[in-house]
Structures are given as C-alpha cells and as structure tokens.
Amino acid sequence: MSEAERPDRLARPVTVEDIRALAGPSTPHFALQIRNRIRKLIAGLPADDPVRREGEVQIARMNELAEHSGDPRGGTGVAH
C-alpha cells in the first residue's frame, strides 16, 4: 500500500465518508500507512471540522490497530 493519495480525492474537499472508506478496511500491517494518509488529508482543516474530528478518531484507531501487527508468538510489535 502506498501513502500516495488518489488524485480524485485531492481534487475535491475531503468528506467524512472519504476518511471512513480509507480507514474501514485497514489491517494491522497497513495501519500506520493509512494513519499517515489520513493525517495528510485533514492537515489543513480547522479543529472543529467534522472531517478532522473523524480523521482524529480514525488516526487513534490506526495507532491501536498497529499495536497488534507484531509477532503472534509474543513479539514486541511495531517499532514506533
């Protein structure tokens, strides 16, 4: 998975649905890349924007999900 954004998403304002569509099918392996993409999408939005708030919720979820991408035998997980 690339951290590059789809051109069509950059050509219009980001929506809550865009954030949810990006974060929804995430897996632990790709969680940090998705988190970074969401950060870029919401970077210029005001703090009270609903899209930014949803993005922040999903960023927190991606951080949590990334914690579960380590060795299933008890490894230390993803290095941050």
N, C-alpha and C. Protein backbone atom coordinates (compact mmCIF):
# COMPACT_ATOMS: atom_id res chain seq x y z
N MET A 1 0.84 -1.17 0.00
CA MET A 1 0.00 0.00 0.00
C MET A 1 0.89 1.23 0.00
N SER A 2 0.54 2.16 -0.80
CA SER A 2 1.30 3.40 -0.90
C SER A 2 0.69 4.46 0.02
N GLU A 3 1.52 5.40 0.43
CA GLU A 3 0.99 6.53 1.18
C GLU A 3 0.57 7.66 0.25
N ALA A 4 0.74 7.48 -1.04
CA ALA A 4 0.31 8.48 -2.02
C ALA A 4 -1.22 8.49 -2.07
N GLU A 5 -1.77 9.66 -2.22
CA GLU A 5 -3.22 9.79 -2.23
C GLU A 5 -3.76 9.69 -3.65
N ARG A 6 -4.98 9.21 -3.76
CA ARG A 6 -5.65 9.14 -5.06
C ARG A 6 -5.87 10.55 -5.59
N PRO A 7 -5.57 10.79 -6.86
CA PRO A 7 -5.74 12.14 -7.42
C PRO A 7 -7.17 12.67 -7.33
N ASP A 8 -8.17 11.81 -7.50
CA ASP A 8 -9.55 12.27 -7.43
C ASP A 8 -9.92 12.74 -6.04
N ARG A 9 -9.30 12.18 -5.01
CA ARG A 9 -9.60 12.61 -3.64
C ARG A 9 -8.98 13.98 -3.36
N LEU A 10 -7.88 14.29 -4.05
CA LEU A 10 -7.22 15.58 -3.83
C LEU A 10 -7.87 16.71 -4.62
N ALA A 11 -8.67 16.37 -5.60
CA ALA A 11 -9.28 17.38 -6.47
C ALA A 11 -10.58 17.97 -5.90
N ARG A 12 -10.99 17.50 -4.74
CA ARG A 12 -12.23 17.99 -4.12
C ARG A 12 -12.05 17.98 -2.60
N PRO A 13 -12.96 18.64 -1.89
CA PRO A 13 -12.86 18.62 -0.43
C PRO A 13 -13.02 17.20 0.12
N VAL A 14 -12.28 16.89 1.14
CA VAL A 14 -12.35 15.59 1.78
C VAL A 14 -13.63 15.50 2.59
N THR A 15 -14.26 14.34 2.57
CA THR A 15 -15.50 14.13 3.33
C THR A 15 -15.28 13.12 4.45
N VAL A 16 -16.23 13.08 5.37
CA VAL A 16 -16.20 12.07 6.43
C VAL A 16 -16.22 10.68 5.80
N GLU A 17 -16.98 10.50 4.75
CA GLU A 17 -17.05 9.21 4.08
C GLU A 17 -15.71 8.82 3.46
N ASP A 18 -14.95 9.79 2.96
CA ASP A 18 -13.61 9.50 2.44
C ASP A 18 -12.73 8.93 3.55
N ILE A 19 -12.78 9.54 4.71
CA ILE A 19 -11.98 9.09 5.85
C ILE A 19 -12.40 7.68 6.26
N ARG A 20 -13.69 7.46 6.35
CA ARG A 20 -14.19 6.14 6.74
C ARG A 20 -13.85 5.07 5.71
N ALA A 21 -13.94 5.42 4.43
CA ALA A 21 -13.62 4.46 3.37
C ALA A 21 -12.13 4.10 3.40
N LEU A 22 -11.30 5.06 3.71
CA LEU A 22 -9.87 4.81 3.78
C LEU A 22 -9.52 3.95 4.99
N ALA A 23 -10.11 4.23 6.13
CA ALA A 23 -9.78 3.54 7.37
C ALA A 23 -10.51 2.21 7.54
N GLY A 24 -11.67 2.08 6.97
CA GLY A 24 -12.52 0.92 7.21
C GLY A 24 -11.87 -0.43 6.98
N PRO A 25 -11.28 -0.66 5.80
CA PRO A 25 -10.74 -1.99 5.54
C PRO A 25 -9.29 -2.20 6.01
N SER A 26 -8.85 -1.39 6.92
CA SER A 26 -7.45 -1.45 7.34
C SER A 26 -7.11 -2.74 8.08
N THR A 27 -5.85 -3.10 7.98
CA THR A 27 -5.31 -4.25 8.69
C THR A 27 -4.13 -3.76 9.53
N PRO A 28 -3.72 -4.52 10.52
CA PRO A 28 -2.57 -4.08 11.33
C PRO A 28 -1.33 -3.77 10.49
N HIS A 29 -1.11 -4.55 9.46
CA HIS A 29 0.08 -4.38 8.64
C HIS A 29 0.12 -3.01 7.96
N PHE A 30 -1.03 -2.49 7.55
CA PHE A 30 -1.08 -1.22 6.82
C PHE A 30 -1.58 -0.05 7.66
N ALA A 31 -1.85 -0.26 8.92
CA ALA A 31 -2.47 0.78 9.76
C ALA A 31 -1.67 2.07 9.80
N LEU A 32 -0.36 1.99 9.90
CA LEU A 32 0.44 3.22 10.01
C LEU A 32 0.48 3.98 8.69
N GLN A 33 0.46 3.29 7.57
CA GLN A 33 0.40 3.97 6.28
C GLN A 33 -0.95 4.67 6.11
N ILE A 34 -2.01 4.00 6.51
CA ILE A 34 -3.34 4.62 6.43
C ILE A 34 -3.41 5.82 7.36
N ARG A 35 -2.87 5.68 8.56
CA ARG A 35 -2.83 6.80 9.51
C ARG A 35 -2.14 8.01 8.88
N ASN A 36 -1.03 7.79 8.21
CA ASN A 36 -0.31 8.89 7.59
C ASN A 36 -1.11 9.54 6.47
N ARG A 37 -1.82 8.74 5.71
CA ARG A 37 -2.66 9.29 4.64
C ARG A 37 -3.77 10.15 5.23
N ILE A 38 -4.39 9.67 6.30
CA ILE A 38 -5.45 10.45 6.94
C ILE A 38 -4.89 11.76 7.48
N ARG A 39 -3.73 11.71 8.11
CA ARG A 39 -3.10 12.95 8.63
C ARG A 39 -2.93 13.98 7.53
N LYS A 40 -2.46 13.54 6.36
CA LYS A 40 -2.27 14.46 5.24
C LYS A 40 -3.60 15.05 4.78
N LEU A 41 -4.64 14.22 4.74
CA LEU A 41 -5.94 14.69 4.26
C LEU A 41 -6.57 15.73 5.19
N ILE A 42 -6.34 15.62 6.49
CA ILE A 42 -7.00 16.53 7.44
C ILE A 42 -6.09 17.66 7.90
N ALA A 43 -4.86 17.69 7.45
CA ALA A 43 -3.86 18.64 7.96
C ALA A 43 -4.32 20.09 7.93
N GLY A 44 -4.99 20.54 6.91
CA GLY A 44 -5.37 21.94 6.81
C GLY A 44 -6.75 22.28 7.33
N LEU A 45 -7.43 21.31 7.90
CA LEU A 45 -8.81 21.54 8.35
C LEU A 45 -8.83 22.13 9.76
N PRO A 46 -9.81 23.01 10.03
CA PRO A 46 -9.93 23.56 11.38
C PRO A 46 -10.30 22.49 12.41
N ALA A 47 -9.97 22.75 13.66
CA ALA A 47 -10.18 21.79 14.74
C ALA A 47 -11.64 21.37 14.90
N ASP A 48 -12.58 22.24 14.57
CA ASP A 48 -14.00 21.92 14.76
C ASP A 48 -14.65 21.29 13.52
N ASP A 49 -13.88 21.06 12.48
CA ASP A 49 -14.42 20.46 11.26
C ASP A 49 -14.77 18.99 11.52
N PRO A 50 -15.98 18.55 11.13
CA PRO A 50 -16.37 17.16 11.35
C PRO A 50 -15.45 16.16 10.66
N VAL A 51 -14.90 16.53 9.52
CA VAL A 51 -13.98 15.64 8.81
C VAL A 51 -12.69 15.48 9.62
N ARG A 52 -12.20 16.58 10.19
CA ARG A 52 -10.99 16.50 11.02
C ARG A 52 -11.25 15.65 12.27
N ARG A 53 -12.41 15.85 12.89
CA ARG A 53 -12.72 15.06 14.09
C ARG A 53 -12.78 13.57 13.77
N GLU A 54 -13.42 13.22 12.65
CA GLU A 54 -13.48 11.81 12.24
C GLU A 54 -12.08 11.30 11.92
N GLY A 55 -11.28 12.13 11.28
CA GLY A 55 -9.91 11.74 10.98
C GLY A 55 -9.11 11.47 12.24
N GLU A 56 -9.28 12.29 13.25
CA GLU A 56 -8.56 12.09 14.51
C GLU A 56 -9.01 10.81 15.21
N VAL A 57 -10.29 10.50 15.13
CA VAL A 57 -10.80 9.24 15.69
C VAL A 57 -10.17 8.06 14.97
N GLN A 58 -10.12 8.14 13.65
CA GLN A 58 -9.56 7.04 12.87
C GLN A 58 -8.04 6.93 13.04
N ILE A 59 -7.35 8.06 13.22
CA ILE A 59 -5.91 8.02 13.49
C ILE A 59 -5.66 7.27 14.80
N ALA A 60 -6.45 7.55 15.82
CA ALA A 60 -6.30 6.84 17.09
C ALA A 60 -6.56 5.36 16.90
N ARG A 61 -7.55 5.02 16.09
CA ARG A 61 -7.87 3.62 15.82
C ARG A 61 -6.72 2.93 15.07
N MET A 62 -6.12 3.65 14.12
CA MET A 62 -5.00 3.09 13.36
C MET A 62 -3.80 2.85 14.28
N ASN A 63 -3.56 3.77 15.19
CA ASN A 63 -2.46 3.59 16.15
C ASN A 63 -2.69 2.34 17.00
N GLU A 64 -3.91 2.16 17.45
CA GLU A 64 -4.26 0.98 18.25
C GLU A 64 -4.12 -0.30 17.42
N LEU A 65 -4.61 -0.25 16.21
CA LEU A 65 -4.54 -1.42 15.33
C LEU A 65 -3.09 -1.79 15.04
N ALA A 66 -2.24 -0.82 14.86
CA ALA A 66 -0.82 -1.07 14.57
C ALA A 66 -0.13 -1.80 15.72
N GLU A 67 -0.62 -1.62 16.92
CA GLU A 67 -0.04 -2.31 18.08
C GLU A 67 -0.20 -3.81 17.98
N HIS A 68 -1.11 -4.26 17.12
CA HIS A 68 -1.41 -5.69 17.00
C HIS A 68 -0.79 -6.31 15.76
N SER A 69 0.24 -5.67 15.21
CA SER A 69 0.84 -6.20 13.99
C SER A 69 2.16 -6.90 14.25
N GLY A 70 2.47 -7.14 15.50
CA GLY A 70 3.74 -7.78 15.83
C GLY A 70 3.70 -9.29 15.67
N ASP A 71 4.71 -9.90 16.16
CA ASP A 71 4.87 -11.34 16.10
C ASP A 71 3.76 -12.02 16.91
N PRO A 72 2.97 -12.90 16.29
CA PRO A 72 1.87 -13.55 17.00
C PRO A 72 2.33 -14.47 18.13
N ARG A 73 3.63 -14.74 18.19
CA ARG A 73 4.16 -15.59 19.24
C ARG A 73 4.61 -14.80 20.45
N GLY A 74 4.27 -13.51 20.50
CA GLY A 74 4.62 -12.73 21.67
C GLY A 74 5.72 -11.71 21.43
N GLY A 75 5.96 -11.36 20.17
CA GLY A 75 6.97 -10.35 19.85
C GLY A 75 6.58 -8.99 20.39
N THR A 76 7.40 -8.01 20.12
CA THR A 76 7.17 -6.68 20.67
C THR A 76 6.27 -5.82 19.82
N GLY A 77 5.88 -6.24 18.64
CA GLY A 77 5.00 -5.43 17.81
C GLY A 77 5.78 -4.46 16.94
N VAL A 78 5.07 -3.48 16.44
CA VAL A 78 5.64 -2.50 15.53
C VAL A 78 6.48 -1.50 16.29
N ALA A 79 7.66 -1.21 15.80
CA ALA A 79 8.50 -0.17 16.40
C ALA A 79 7.97 1.18 15.96
N HIS A 80 7.79 2.08 16.89
CA HIS A 80 7.24 3.40 16.55
C HIS A 80 8.32 4.44 16.59
